[in-house]
């Protein structure tokens, strides 16, 4: 499931607009992708399509 969401993120991120959120605080400048109870923390660079996955984990522990 996570792999398929990452493939959509790389190709057509507009389809995931309800699952993507900009993060604040210590994680400012990063985004989260919601996949059921898991979160993918990533950074985007719009000048060239680069998605750098910073972490993947359960929603209770991924932000720590």
PDB file of N, CA and C in Angstrom:
ATOM      1  N   UNK A   1       0.812  -1.195   0.000  1.00  0.00           N
ATOM      2  CA  UNK A   1       0.000   0.000   0.000  1.00  0.00           C
ATOM      3  C   UNK A   1       0.865   1.272   0.000  1.00  0.00           C
ATOM      4  N   UNK A   2       1.919   1.291   0.810  1.00  0.00           N
ATOM      5  CA  UNK A   2       2.799   2.469   0.868  1.00  0.00           C
ATOM      6  C   UNK A   2       3.485   2.662  -0.470  1.00  0.00           C
ATOM      7  N   UNK A   3       3.957   1.578  -1.062  1.00  0.00           N
ATOM      8  CA  UNK A   3       4.647   1.673  -2.353  1.00  0.00           C
ATOM      9  C   UNK A   3       3.734   2.267  -3.421  1.00  0.00           C
ATOM     10  N   UNK A   4       2.485   1.842  -3.461  1.00  0.00           N
ATOM     11  CA  UNK A   4       1.574   2.370  -4.483  1.00  0.00           C
ATOM     12  C   UNK A   4       1.292   3.856  -4.255  1.00  0.00           C
ATOM     13  N   UNK A   5       1.189   4.285  -2.991  1.00  0.00           N
ATOM     14  CA  UNK A   5       0.977   5.717  -2.709  1.00  0.00           C
ATOM     15  C   UNK A   5       2.204   6.536  -3.112  1.00  0.00           C
ATOM     16  N   UNK A   6       3.404   5.992  -2.895  1.00  0.00           N
ATOM     17  CA  UNK A   6       4.617   6.696  -3.311  1.00  0.00           C
ATOM     18  C   UNK A   6       4.692   6.811  -4.826  1.00  0.00           C
ATOM     19  N   UNK A   7       4.243   5.790  -5.539  1.00  0.00           N
ATOM     20  CA  UNK A   7       4.227   5.853  -7.003  1.00  0.00           C
ATOM     21  C   UNK A   7       3.249   6.917  -7.484  1.00  0.00           C
ATOM     22  N   UNK A   8       2.104   7.035  -6.827  1.00  0.00           N
ATOM     23  CA  UNK A   8       1.147   8.098  -7.177  1.00  0.00           C
ATOM     24  C   UNK A   8       1.752   9.458  -6.855  1.00  0.00           C
ATOM     25  N   UNK A   9       2.413   9.573  -5.711  1.00  0.00           N
ATOM     26  CA  UNK A   9       3.054  10.829  -5.311  1.00  0.00           C
ATOM     27  C   UNK A   9       4.074  11.277  -6.344  1.00  0.00           C
ATOM     28  N   UNK A  10       4.827  10.334  -6.882  1.00  0.00           N
ATOM     29  CA  UNK A  10       5.845  10.661  -7.874  1.00  0.00           C
ATOM     30  C   UNK A  10       5.234  11.050  -9.220  1.00  0.00           C
ATOM     31  N   UNK A  11       4.093  10.450  -9.569  1.00  0.00           N
ATOM     32  CA  UNK A  11       3.513  10.686 -10.885  1.00  0.00           C
ATOM     33  C   UNK A  11       2.404  11.721 -10.922  1.00  0.00           C
ATOM     34  N   UNK A  12       1.448  11.598 -10.021  1.00  0.00           N
ATOM     35  CA  UNK A  12       0.277  12.479 -10.008  1.00  0.00           C
ATOM     36  C   UNK A  12      -0.057  12.885  -8.580  1.00  0.00           C
ATOM     37  N   UNK A  13       0.746  13.743  -7.974  1.00  0.00           N
ATOM     38  CA  UNK A  13       0.536  14.087  -6.563  1.00  0.00           C
ATOM     39  C   UNK A  13      -0.799  14.759  -6.280  1.00  0.00           C
ATOM     40  N   UNK A  14      -1.427  15.354  -7.275  1.00  0.00           N
ATOM     41  CA  UNK A  14      -2.726  15.992  -7.079  1.00  0.00           C
ATOM     42  C   UNK A  14      -3.807  15.022  -6.635  1.00  0.00           C
ATOM     43  N   UNK A  15      -3.637  13.744  -6.958  1.00  0.00           N
ATOM     44  CA  UNK A  15      -4.618  12.733  -6.544  1.00  0.00           C
ATOM     45  C   UNK A  15      -4.570  12.481  -5.033  1.00  0.00           C
ATOM     46  N   UNK A  16      -3.501  12.896  -4.384  1.00  0.00           N
ATOM     47  CA  UNK A  16      -3.317  12.636  -2.958  1.00  0.00           C
ATOM     48  C   UNK A  16      -3.482  13.885  -2.103  1.00  0.00           C
ATOM     49  N   UNK A  17      -4.110  14.923  -2.641  1.00  0.00           N
ATOM     50  CA  UNK A  17      -4.143  16.200  -1.931  1.00  0.00           C
ATOM     51  C   UNK A  17      -4.779  16.097  -0.548  1.00  0.00           C
ATOM     52  N   UNK A  18      -5.683  15.166  -0.322  1.00  0.00           N
ATOM     53  CA  UNK A  18      -6.287  15.004   0.998  1.00  0.00           C
ATOM     54  C   UNK A  18      -5.395  14.211   1.949  1.00  0.00           C
ATOM     55  N   UNK A  19      -4.386  13.537   1.444  1.00  0.00           N
ATOM     56  CA  UNK A  19      -3.497  12.707   2.254  1.00  0.00           C
ATOM     57  C   UNK A  19      -2.155  13.369   2.540  1.00  0.00           C
ATOM     58  N   UNK A  20      -1.899  14.535   1.950  1.00  0.00           N
ATOM     59  CA  UNK A  20      -0.618  15.227   2.127  1.00  0.00           C
ATOM     60  C   UNK A  20      -0.838  16.476   2.974  1.00  0.00           C
ATOM     61  N   UNK A  21       0.055  16.681   3.934  1.00  0.00           N
ATOM     62  CA  UNK A  21      -0.047  17.846   4.803  1.00  0.00           C
ATOM     63  C   UNK A  21       1.351  18.383   5.090  1.00  0.00           C
ATOM     64  N   UNK A  22       1.505  19.699   5.080  1.00  0.00           N
ATOM     65  CA  UNK A  22       2.774  20.320   5.465  1.00  0.00           C
ATOM     66  C   UNK A  22       2.921  20.226   6.976  1.00  0.00           C
ATOM     67  N   UNK A  23       4.127  19.926   7.432  1.00  0.00           N
ATOM     68  CA  UNK A  23       4.381  19.779   8.862  1.00  0.00           C
ATOM     69  C   UNK A  23       4.919  21.081   9.443  1.00  0.00           C
ATOM     70  N   UNK A  24       4.799  21.223  10.753  1.00  0.00           N
ATOM     71  CA  UNK A  24       5.232  22.433  11.458  1.00  0.00           C
ATOM     72  C   UNK A  24       6.244  22.072  12.527  1.00  0.00           C
ATOM     73  N   UNK A  25       6.730  23.060  13.232  1.00  0.00           N
ATOM     74  CA  UNK A  25       7.628  22.844  14.362  1.00  0.00           C
ATOM     75  C   UNK A  25       8.968  22.270  13.945  1.00  0.00           C
ATOM     76  N   UNK A  26       9.396  21.210  14.620  1.00  0.00           N
ATOM     77  CA  UNK A  26      10.692  20.586  14.323  1.00  0.00           C
ATOM     78  C   UNK A  26      10.760  20.001  12.925  1.00  0.00           C
ATOM     79  N   UNK A  27       9.607  19.767  12.330  1.00  0.00           N
ATOM     80  CA  UNK A  27       9.553  19.144  11.002  1.00  0.00           C
ATOM     81  C   UNK A  27       9.169  20.144   9.904  1.00  0.00           C
ATOM     82  N   UNK A  28       9.294  21.423  10.187  1.00  0.00           N
ATOM     83  CA  UNK A  28       8.950  22.448   9.202  1.00  0.00           C
ATOM     84  C   UNK A  28       9.758  22.225   7.927  1.00  0.00           C
ATOM     85  N   UNK A  29       9.109  22.387   6.790  1.00  0.00           N
ATOM     86  CA  UNK A  29       9.759  22.172   5.498  1.00  0.00           C
ATOM     87  C   UNK A  29       9.588  20.755   4.982  1.00  0.00           C
ATOM     88  N   UNK A  30       8.970  19.904   5.792  1.00  0.00           N
ATOM     89  CA  UNK A  30       8.700  18.530   5.386  1.00  0.00           C
ATOM     90  C   UNK A  30       7.197  18.325   5.273  1.00  0.00           C
ATOM     91  N   UNK A  31       6.824  17.247   4.641  1.00  0.00           N
ATOM     92  CA  UNK A  31       5.421  16.907   4.449  1.00  0.00           C
ATOM     93  C   UNK A  31       5.170  15.498   4.948  1.00  0.00           C
ATOM     94  N   UNK A  32       3.899  15.213   5.217  1.00  0.00           N
ATOM     95  CA  UNK A  32       3.535  13.855   5.583  1.00  0.00           C
ATOM     96  C   UNK A  32       2.504  13.334   4.596  1.00  0.00           C
ATOM     97  N   UNK A  33       2.642  12.065   4.285  1.00  0.00           N
ATOM     98  CA  UNK A  33       1.696  11.355   3.442  1.00  0.00           C
ATOM     99  C   UNK A  33       1.030  10.318   4.319  1.00  0.00           C
ATOM    100  N   UNK A  34      -0.293  10.381   4.420  1.00  0.00           N
ATOM    101  CA  UNK A  34      -1.040   9.455   5.267  1.00  0.00           C
ATOM    102  C   UNK A  34      -1.378   8.195   4.482  1.00  0.00           C
ATOM    103  N   UNK A  35      -1.013   7.036   5.041  1.00  0.00           N
ATOM    104  CA  UNK A  35      -1.337   5.740   4.451  1.00  0.00           C
ATOM    105  C   UNK A  35      -1.864   4.866   5.588  1.00  0.00           C
ATOM    106  N   UNK A  36      -3.191   4.837   5.743  1.00  0.00           N
ATOM    107  CA  UNK A  36      -3.844   4.148   6.860  1.00  0.00           C
ATOM    108  C   UNK A  36      -3.273   4.636   8.185  1.00  0.00           C
ATOM    109  N   UNK A  37      -2.724   3.749   9.032  1.00  0.00           N
ATOM    110  CA  UNK A  37      -2.162   4.159  10.317  1.00  0.00           C
ATOM    111  C   UNK A  37      -0.692   4.542  10.225  1.00  0.00           C
ATOM    112  N   UNK A  38      -0.148   4.587   9.030  1.00  0.00           N
ATOM    113  CA  UNK A  38       1.269   4.903   8.844  1.00  0.00           C
ATOM    114  C   UNK A  38       1.433   6.263   8.197  1.00  0.00           C
ATOM    115  N   UNK A  39       2.598   6.866   8.410  1.00  0.00           N
ATOM    116  CA  UNK A  39       2.908   8.160   7.833  1.00  0.00           C
ATOM    117  C   UNK A  39       4.260   8.081   7.141  1.00  0.00           C
ATOM    118  N   UNK A  40       4.325   8.681   5.967  1.00  0.00           N
ATOM    119  CA  UNK A  40       5.578   8.811   5.232  1.00  0.00           C
ATOM    120  C   UNK A  40       5.971  10.277   5.339  1.00  0.00           C
ATOM    121  N   UNK A  41       7.115  10.546   5.927  1.00  0.00           N
ATOM    122  CA  UNK A  41       7.615  11.912   6.064  1.00  0.00           C
ATOM    123  C   UNK A  41       8.574  12.145   4.907  1.00  0.00           C
ATOM    124  N   UNK A  42       8.342  13.232   4.143  1.00  0.00           N
ATOM    125  CA  UNK A  42       9.172  13.469   2.969  1.00  0.00           C
ATOM    126  C   UNK A  42       9.403  14.947   2.744  1.00  0.00           C
ATOM    127  N   UNK A  43      10.406  15.236   1.934  1.00  0.00           N
ATOM    128  CA  UNK A  43      10.703  16.591   1.485  1.00  0.00           C
ATOM    129  C   UNK A  43      10.505  16.641  -0.015  1.00  0.00           C
ATOM    130  N   UNK A  44      10.062  17.785  -0.512  1.00  0.00           N
ATOM    131  CA  UNK A  44       9.897  17.980  -1.951  1.00  0.00           C
ATOM    132  C   UNK A  44      10.839  19.063  -2.424  1.00  0.00           C
ATOM    133  N   UNK A  45      11.290  18.893  -3.638  1.00  0.00           N
ATOM    134  CA  UNK A  45      12.048  19.948  -4.310  1.00  0.00           C
ATOM    135  C   UNK A  45      11.393  20.134  -5.667  1.00  0.00           C
ATOM    136  N   UNK A  46      10.694  21.238  -5.818  1.00  0.00           N
ATOM    137  CA  UNK A  46       9.860  21.449  -6.994  1.00  0.00           C
ATOM    138  C   UNK A  46      10.632  21.814  -8.250  1.00  0.00           C
ATOM    139  N   UNK A  47      11.839  22.368  -8.119  1.00  0.00           N
ATOM    140  CA  UNK A  47      12.578  22.756  -9.315  1.00  0.00           C
ATOM    141  C   UNK A  47      12.906  21.524 -10.163  1.00  0.00           C
ATOM    142  N   UNK A  48      13.190  20.422  -9.525  1.00  0.00           N
ATOM    143  CA  UNK A  48      13.364  19.125 -10.173  1.00  0.00           C
ATOM    144  C   UNK A  48      12.548  18.164  -9.325  1.00  0.00           C
ATOM    145  N   UNK A  49      11.782  17.296  -9.956  1.00  0.00           N
ATOM    146  CA  UNK A  49      10.925  16.407  -9.170  1.00  0.00           C
ATOM    147  C   UNK A  49      11.776  15.416  -8.391  1.00  0.00           C
ATOM    148  N   UNK A  50      12.000  15.748  -7.123  1.00  0.00           N
ATOM    149  CA  UNK A  50      12.742  14.884  -6.213  1.00  0.00           C
ATOM    150  C   UNK A  50      11.893  14.741  -4.960  1.00  0.00           C
ATOM    151  N   UNK A  51      11.633  13.518  -4.568  1.00  0.00           N
ATOM    152  CA  UNK A  51      10.929  13.245  -3.327  1.00  0.00           C
ATOM    153  C   UNK A  51      11.891  12.449  -2.457  1.00  0.00           C
ATOM    154  N   UNK A  52      12.324  13.043  -1.372  1.00  0.00           N
ATOM    155  CA  UNK A  52      13.268  12.411  -0.461  1.00  0.00           C
ATOM    156  C   UNK A  52      12.488  11.905   0.747  1.00  0.00           C
ATOM    157  N   UNK A  53      12.355  10.592   0.870  1.00  0.00           N
ATOM    158  CA  UNK A  53      11.641  10.012   2.006  1.00  0.00           C
ATOM    159  C   UNK A  53      12.567  10.064   3.217  1.00  0.00           C
ATOM    160  N   UNK A  54      12.118  10.739   4.255  1.00  0.00           N
ATOM    161  CA  UNK A  54      12.897  10.921   5.463  1.00  0.00           C
ATOM    162  C   UNK A  54      12.611   9.803   6.460  1.00  0.00           C
ATOM    163  N   UNK A  55      11.370   9.340   6.517  1.00  0.00           N
ATOM    164  CA  UNK A  55      11.018   8.276   7.443  1.00  0.00           C
ATOM    165  C   UNK A  55       9.657   7.689   7.136  1.00  0.00           C
ATOM    166  N   UNK A  56       9.461   6.445   7.542  1.00  0.00           N
ATOM    167  CA  UNK A  56       8.177   5.767   7.424  1.00  0.00           C
ATOM    168  C   UNK A  56       7.943   5.075   8.750  1.00  0.00           C
ATOM    169  N   UNK A  57       6.775   5.270   9.337  1.00  0.00           N
ATOM    170  CA  UNK A  57       6.494   4.611  10.607  1.00  0.00           C
ATOM    171  C   UNK A  57       5.053   4.777  11.012  1.00  0.00           C
ATOM    172  N   UNK A  58       4.692   4.091  12.102  1.00  0.00           N
ATOM    173  CA  UNK A  58       3.353   4.193  12.635  1.00  0.00           C
ATOM    174  C   UNK A  58       3.106   5.616  13.117  1.00  0.00           C
ATOM    175  N   UNK A  59       1.899   6.060  13.011  1.00  0.00           N
ATOM    176  CA  UNK A  59       1.587   7.458  13.320  1.00  0.00           C
ATOM    177  C   UNK A  59       1.904   7.838  14.763  1.00  0.00           C
ATOM    178  N   UNK A  60       1.953   6.882  15.678  1.00  0.00           N
ATOM    179  CA  UNK A  60       2.260   7.181  17.074  1.00  0.00           C
ATOM    180  C   UNK A  60       3.743   7.489  17.300  1.00  0.00           C
ATOM    181  N   UNK A  61       4.611   6.991  16.436  1.00  0.00           N
ATOM    182  CA  UNK A  61       6.040   7.136  16.717  1.00  0.00           C
ATOM    183  C   UNK A  61       6.850   7.808  15.614  1.00  0.00           C
ATOM    184  N   UNK A  62       6.290   8.027  14.449  1.00  0.00           N
ATOM    185  CA  UNK A  62       7.081   8.526  13.323  1.00  0.00           C
ATOM    186  C   UNK A  62       7.543   9.978  13.517  1.00  0.00           C
ATOM    187  N   UNK A  63       6.843  10.761  14.312  1.00  0.00           N
ATOM    188  CA  UNK A  63       7.197  12.174  14.477  1.00  0.00           C
ATOM    189  C   UNK A  63       8.246  12.399  15.561  1.00  0.00           C
ATOM    190  N   UNK A  64       8.607  11.372  16.307  1.00  0.00           N
ATOM    191  CA  UNK A  64       9.563  11.520  17.421  1.00  0.00           C
ATOM    192  C   UNK A  64      10.982  11.509  16.934  1.00  0.00           C
TER     193      UNK A  64
END
